[in-house]
N, C-alpha and C. Protein backbone atom coordinates (compact mmCIF):
# COMPACT_ATOMS: atom_id res chain seq x y z
N GLN A 1 0.85 -1.20 0.00
CA GLN A 1 0.00 0.00 0.00
C GLN A 1 0.88 1.24 0.00
N VAL A 2 0.63 2.10 -1.00
CA VAL A 2 1.41 3.32 -1.09
C VAL A 2 0.98 4.29 0.01
N GLN A 3 1.97 4.83 0.70
CA GLN A 3 1.70 5.86 1.71
C GLN A 3 2.69 7.00 1.54
N LEU A 4 2.16 8.21 1.63
CA LEU A 4 2.96 9.42 1.61
C LEU A 4 2.48 10.27 2.78
N VAL A 5 3.38 10.54 3.70
CA VAL A 5 3.00 11.25 4.91
C VAL A 5 3.82 12.53 5.02
N GLU A 6 3.14 13.66 4.87
CA GLU A 6 3.80 14.95 4.95
C GLU A 6 3.78 15.48 6.39
N SER A 7 4.79 16.26 6.71
CA SER A 7 4.85 16.93 8.01
C SER A 7 5.73 18.16 7.89
N GLY A 8 5.72 18.96 8.96
CA GLY A 8 6.60 20.12 9.00
C GLY A 8 5.93 21.45 8.76
N GLY A 9 4.66 21.43 8.42
CA GLY A 9 3.96 22.68 8.21
C GLY A 9 3.72 23.41 9.52
N GLY A 10 3.20 24.61 9.41
CA GLY A 10 2.91 25.39 10.60
C GLY A 10 2.71 26.85 10.27
N LEU A 11 2.68 27.65 11.31
CA LEU A 11 2.53 29.10 11.17
C LEU A 11 3.90 29.75 11.24
N VAL A 12 4.19 30.59 10.28
CA VAL A 12 5.48 31.26 10.24
C VAL A 12 5.28 32.70 9.80
N GLN A 13 6.13 33.58 10.27
CA GLN A 13 6.02 34.98 9.89
C GLN A 13 6.61 35.20 8.50
N PRO A 14 6.14 36.23 7.81
CA PRO A 14 6.75 36.56 6.50
C PRO A 14 8.26 36.71 6.63
N GLY A 15 8.95 36.16 5.65
CA GLY A 15 10.41 36.16 5.68
C GLY A 15 11.01 34.96 6.37
N GLY A 16 10.16 34.17 6.99
CA GLY A 16 10.64 33.01 7.72
C GLY A 16 10.88 31.80 6.84
N SER A 17 11.24 30.70 7.49
CA SER A 17 11.59 29.46 6.79
C SER A 17 10.90 28.26 7.42
N LEU A 18 10.66 27.27 6.60
CA LEU A 18 10.14 25.98 7.06
C LEU A 18 10.72 24.90 6.17
N THR A 19 10.86 23.72 6.73
CA THR A 19 11.23 22.55 5.93
C THR A 19 10.14 21.50 6.06
N LEU A 20 9.58 21.12 4.93
CA LEU A 20 8.57 20.08 4.88
C LEU A 20 9.23 18.74 4.61
N THR A 21 8.62 17.70 5.17
CA THR A 21 9.13 16.34 5.01
C THR A 21 8.00 15.44 4.54
N CYS A 22 8.33 14.52 3.66
CA CYS A 22 7.37 13.52 3.18
C CYS A 22 8.05 12.16 3.28
N VAL A 23 7.49 11.30 4.09
CA VAL A 23 8.01 9.93 4.23
C VAL A 23 7.17 9.01 3.36
N ALA A 24 7.84 8.27 2.51
CA ALA A 24 7.15 7.41 1.53
C ALA A 24 7.33 5.94 1.88
N SER A 25 6.34 5.15 1.52
CA SER A 25 6.44 3.71 1.69
C SER A 25 5.50 3.03 0.71
N GLY A 26 5.75 1.74 0.46
CA GLY A 26 4.85 0.95 -0.37
C GLY A 26 5.15 0.96 -1.85
N PHE A 27 6.24 1.62 -2.25
CA PHE A 27 6.63 1.62 -3.66
C PHE A 27 8.13 1.87 -3.72
N PRO A 28 8.73 1.63 -4.88
CA PRO A 28 10.19 1.81 -5.00
C PRO A 28 10.57 3.30 -5.07
N PHE A 29 10.71 3.89 -3.91
CA PHE A 29 10.96 5.33 -3.82
C PHE A 29 12.18 5.74 -4.61
N ARG A 30 13.25 4.98 -4.50
CA ARG A 30 14.51 5.39 -5.13
C ARG A 30 14.44 5.32 -6.67
N GLN A 31 13.39 4.74 -7.21
CA GLN A 31 13.19 4.67 -8.65
C GLN A 31 12.09 5.61 -9.12
N SER A 32 11.63 6.47 -8.25
CA SER A 32 10.47 7.30 -8.54
C SER A 32 10.80 8.78 -8.50
N GLY A 33 10.43 9.50 -9.57
CA GLY A 33 10.44 10.94 -9.48
C GLY A 33 9.36 11.39 -8.51
N MET A 34 9.62 12.49 -7.83
CA MET A 34 8.68 12.97 -6.81
C MET A 34 8.45 14.46 -6.97
N SER A 35 7.33 14.90 -6.45
CA SER A 35 6.97 16.31 -6.57
C SER A 35 6.33 16.82 -5.29
N TRP A 36 6.40 18.13 -5.14
CA TRP A 36 5.62 18.85 -4.15
C TRP A 36 4.60 19.72 -4.90
N TYR A 37 3.38 19.66 -4.45
CA TYR A 37 2.31 20.52 -4.95
C TYR A 37 1.78 21.34 -3.78
N ARG A 38 1.06 22.38 -4.12
CA ARG A 38 0.36 23.12 -3.08
C ARG A 38 -1.03 23.53 -3.58
N GLN A 39 -1.90 23.73 -2.63
CA GLN A 39 -3.25 24.19 -2.94
C GLN A 39 -3.55 25.38 -2.05
N ARG A 40 -3.61 26.54 -2.64
CA ARG A 40 -3.91 27.76 -1.90
C ARG A 40 -5.41 27.88 -1.73
N PRO A 41 -5.87 28.61 -0.74
CA PRO A 41 -7.30 28.71 -0.48
C PRO A 41 -8.08 29.14 -1.72
N GLY A 42 -9.08 28.36 -2.06
CA GLY A 42 -9.93 28.69 -3.19
C GLY A 42 -9.35 28.39 -4.55
N GLU A 43 -8.20 27.73 -4.59
CA GLU A 43 -7.56 27.46 -5.87
C GLU A 43 -7.31 25.95 -6.02
N GLY A 44 -6.93 25.56 -7.25
CA GLY A 44 -6.56 24.19 -7.50
C GLY A 44 -5.12 23.92 -7.10
N ARG A 45 -4.73 22.68 -7.20
CA ARG A 45 -3.36 22.32 -6.86
C ARG A 45 -2.41 22.77 -7.95
N GLU A 46 -1.25 23.26 -7.54
CA GLU A 46 -0.23 23.65 -8.50
C GLU A 46 1.10 22.98 -8.16
N LEU A 47 1.84 22.67 -9.20
CA LEU A 47 3.14 22.03 -9.02
C LEU A 47 4.14 23.07 -8.53
N VAL A 48 4.79 22.76 -7.43
CA VAL A 48 5.76 23.68 -6.83
C VAL A 48 7.18 23.29 -7.20
N ALA A 49 7.48 22.01 -7.10
CA ALA A 49 8.84 21.55 -7.37
C ALA A 49 8.81 20.06 -7.65
N GLN A 50 9.75 19.60 -8.46
CA GLN A 50 9.87 18.18 -8.71
C GLN A 50 11.34 17.79 -8.78
N ILE A 51 11.58 16.52 -8.55
CA ILE A 51 12.95 16.03 -8.49
C ILE A 51 13.01 14.64 -9.10
N GLY A 52 14.09 14.37 -9.82
CA GLY A 52 14.27 13.06 -10.43
C GLY A 52 14.59 12.00 -9.41
N ASP A 53 14.65 10.75 -9.89
CA ASP A 53 14.77 9.63 -8.96
C ASP A 53 16.06 9.63 -8.16
N VAL A 54 17.13 10.14 -8.73
CA VAL A 54 18.39 10.16 -7.98
C VAL A 54 18.72 11.56 -7.48
N GLY A 55 17.85 12.51 -7.77
CA GLY A 55 18.03 13.84 -7.22
C GLY A 55 18.87 14.80 -8.03
N PHE A 56 19.31 14.37 -9.20
CA PHE A 56 20.16 15.26 -10.00
C PHE A 56 19.37 16.31 -10.75
N THR A 57 18.13 16.02 -11.08
CA THR A 57 17.32 16.96 -11.85
C THR A 57 16.21 17.51 -10.98
N THR A 58 16.07 18.82 -11.03
CA THR A 58 15.01 19.48 -10.27
C THR A 58 14.37 20.55 -11.15
N ASP A 59 13.16 20.91 -10.80
CA ASP A 59 12.45 21.96 -11.51
C ASP A 59 11.53 22.66 -10.52
N TYR A 60 11.30 23.96 -10.73
CA TYR A 60 10.55 24.75 -9.77
C TYR A 60 9.55 25.66 -10.45
N LEU A 61 8.47 25.91 -9.75
CA LEU A 61 7.53 26.96 -10.12
C LEU A 61 8.29 28.29 -10.08
N ASP A 62 8.06 29.14 -11.07
CA ASP A 62 8.79 30.40 -11.13
C ASP A 62 8.67 31.20 -9.82
N ALA A 63 7.50 31.16 -9.22
CA ALA A 63 7.26 31.98 -8.03
C ALA A 63 8.10 31.56 -6.83
N VAL A 64 8.68 30.35 -6.87
CA VAL A 64 9.45 29.88 -5.72
C VAL A 64 10.92 29.71 -6.03
N LYS A 65 11.31 29.94 -7.27
CA LYS A 65 12.72 29.78 -7.64
C LYS A 65 13.60 30.71 -6.81
N GLY A 66 14.69 30.13 -6.32
CA GLY A 66 15.60 30.90 -5.48
C GLY A 66 15.20 30.95 -4.02
N ARG A 67 14.00 30.48 -3.70
CA ARG A 67 13.54 30.49 -2.30
C ARG A 67 13.30 29.09 -1.76
N PHE A 68 12.88 28.18 -2.61
CA PHE A 68 12.57 26.81 -2.19
C PHE A 68 13.61 25.87 -2.78
N ARG A 69 13.85 24.78 -2.07
CA ARG A 69 14.75 23.73 -2.57
C ARG A 69 14.17 22.37 -2.27
N ILE A 70 14.05 21.56 -3.31
CA ILE A 70 13.55 20.20 -3.15
C ILE A 70 14.75 19.27 -3.05
N ALA A 71 14.64 18.30 -2.17
CA ALA A 71 15.73 17.35 -1.97
C ALA A 71 15.15 16.01 -1.56
N ARG A 72 15.97 14.99 -1.60
CA ARG A 72 15.50 13.65 -1.22
C ARG A 72 16.63 12.86 -0.59
N ASN A 73 16.26 11.92 0.25
CA ASN A 73 17.18 10.97 0.82
C ASN A 73 16.64 9.58 0.51
N ASN A 74 17.20 8.94 -0.49
CA ASN A 74 16.66 7.65 -0.91
C ASN A 74 16.90 6.56 0.14
N GLY A 75 17.91 6.72 0.96
CA GLY A 75 18.14 5.75 2.02
C GLY A 75 17.07 5.78 3.10
N LEU A 76 16.41 6.94 3.22
CA LEU A 76 15.36 7.10 4.23
C LEU A 76 13.96 7.18 3.61
N ASN A 77 13.88 7.00 2.29
CA ASN A 77 12.59 7.11 1.59
C ASN A 77 11.89 8.43 1.93
N THR A 78 12.65 9.50 1.93
CA THR A 78 12.12 10.79 2.39
C THR A 78 12.39 11.89 1.38
N LEU A 79 11.38 12.70 1.21
CA LEU A 79 11.42 13.87 0.32
C LEU A 79 11.31 15.11 1.18
N TYR A 80 12.03 16.15 0.79
CA TYR A 80 12.04 17.40 1.56
C TYR A 80 11.69 18.58 0.67
N LEU A 81 11.18 19.62 1.31
CA LEU A 81 11.02 20.90 0.64
C LEU A 81 11.47 21.97 1.63
N GLU A 82 12.63 22.55 1.35
CA GLU A 82 13.15 23.62 2.17
C GLU A 82 12.62 24.94 1.63
N MET A 83 11.93 25.68 2.46
CA MET A 83 11.27 26.91 2.03
C MET A 83 11.84 28.08 2.82
N THR A 84 12.30 29.09 2.12
CA THR A 84 12.84 30.28 2.76
C THR A 84 12.14 31.52 2.22
N LYS A 85 12.36 32.64 2.89
CA LYS A 85 11.79 33.93 2.46
C LYS A 85 10.30 33.78 2.16
N LEU A 86 9.61 33.15 3.05
CA LEU A 86 8.19 32.87 2.84
C LEU A 86 7.38 34.16 2.84
N THR A 87 6.34 34.16 2.01
CA THR A 87 5.42 35.29 1.90
C THR A 87 4.01 34.78 2.15
N PRO A 88 3.08 35.68 2.42
CA PRO A 88 1.68 35.24 2.62
C PRO A 88 1.13 34.48 1.40
N GLU A 89 1.68 34.74 0.23
CA GLU A 89 1.21 34.04 -0.98
C GLU A 89 1.63 32.56 -0.99
N ASP A 90 2.52 32.20 -0.10
CA ASP A 90 2.91 30.79 0.02
C ASP A 90 1.98 30.01 0.93
N THR A 91 1.04 30.68 1.55
CA THR A 91 0.07 30.00 2.40
C THR A 91 -0.73 29.00 1.59
N ALA A 92 -0.69 27.74 2.00
CA ALA A 92 -1.34 26.68 1.23
C ALA A 92 -1.22 25.37 2.00
N VAL A 93 -1.94 24.39 1.52
CA VAL A 93 -1.69 23.01 1.95
C VAL A 93 -0.70 22.42 0.95
N TYR A 94 0.36 21.85 1.47
CA TYR A 94 1.42 21.30 0.63
C TYR A 94 1.33 19.77 0.63
N PHE A 95 1.43 19.21 -0.57
CA PHE A 95 1.29 17.77 -0.77
C PHE A 95 2.53 17.22 -1.46
N CYS A 96 2.92 16.02 -1.12
CA CYS A 96 3.92 15.35 -1.94
C CYS A 96 3.21 14.33 -2.82
N LYS A 97 3.84 14.03 -3.93
CA LYS A 97 3.21 13.15 -4.91
C LYS A 97 4.28 12.34 -5.62
N ARG A 98 3.93 11.12 -5.89
CA ARG A 98 4.77 10.27 -6.72
C ARG A 98 4.47 10.59 -8.17
N ASN A 99 5.48 10.93 -8.95
CA ASN A 99 5.26 11.31 -10.34
C ASN A 99 4.68 10.17 -11.15
N ASN A 100 3.80 10.50 -12.06
CA ASN A 100 3.19 9.55 -13.01
C ASN A 100 2.19 8.61 -12.35
N TYR A 101 1.91 8.81 -11.09
CA TYR A 101 0.91 8.02 -10.38
C TYR A 101 0.03 8.96 -9.57
N GLN A 102 -1.17 8.53 -9.34
CA GLN A 102 -2.09 9.33 -8.54
C GLN A 102 -1.98 8.93 -7.08
N ASN A 103 -0.78 9.04 -6.56
CA ASN A 103 -0.54 8.77 -5.14
C ASN A 103 -0.24 10.09 -4.46
N TRP A 104 -1.08 10.47 -3.54
CA TRP A 104 -0.97 11.74 -2.83
C TRP A 104 -0.94 11.49 -1.33
N GLY A 105 -0.26 12.37 -0.63
CA GLY A 105 -0.39 12.40 0.81
C GLY A 105 -1.59 13.23 1.21
N ARG A 106 -1.79 13.38 2.51
CA ARG A 106 -2.92 14.17 3.01
C ARG A 106 -2.59 15.66 3.09
N GLY A 107 -1.32 15.97 3.00
CA GLY A 107 -0.93 17.36 2.99
C GLY A 107 -0.57 17.90 4.36
N THR A 108 0.15 19.01 4.34
CA THR A 108 0.50 19.71 5.57
C THR A 108 0.27 21.20 5.35
N GLN A 109 -0.35 21.85 6.32
CA GLN A 109 -0.74 23.25 6.17
C GLN A 109 0.44 24.16 6.48
N VAL A 110 0.68 25.10 5.57
CA VAL A 110 1.66 26.15 5.79
C VAL A 110 0.91 27.48 5.78
N THR A 111 1.06 28.23 6.85
CA THR A 111 0.41 29.53 6.95
C THR A 111 1.49 30.57 7.22
N VAL A 112 1.54 31.56 6.34
CA VAL A 112 2.52 32.64 6.48
C VAL A 112 1.77 33.91 6.83
N SER A 113 1.96 34.35 8.04
CA SER A 113 1.19 35.50 8.52
C SER A 113 1.92 36.15 9.69
N SER A 114 1.76 37.47 9.79
CA SER A 114 2.31 38.18 10.93
C SER A 114 1.28 38.31 12.03
């Protein structure tokens, strides 16, 4: 059974930082491209960042380039999203996803507010 469990969200002030974590199980993580998506209030899900199976290739939403970094530890079956210089526009529920499959976690809430 595929499981993706996100954590690390919370309330942070503008300009602050958070690191999200997604622990994966039930599929060959080290052979899978992975992504982070977010869903802002009243909007659909958007792709924030993705990473290849060995971590050499990454891609980012323009709005987060230079502020967010996606990373993975295949030995721990874990995906990360390091977020810096957060703004209120980053407020969303963040989800990890296995690429090319409809496997989603339940998400973790990130709220950026003073």
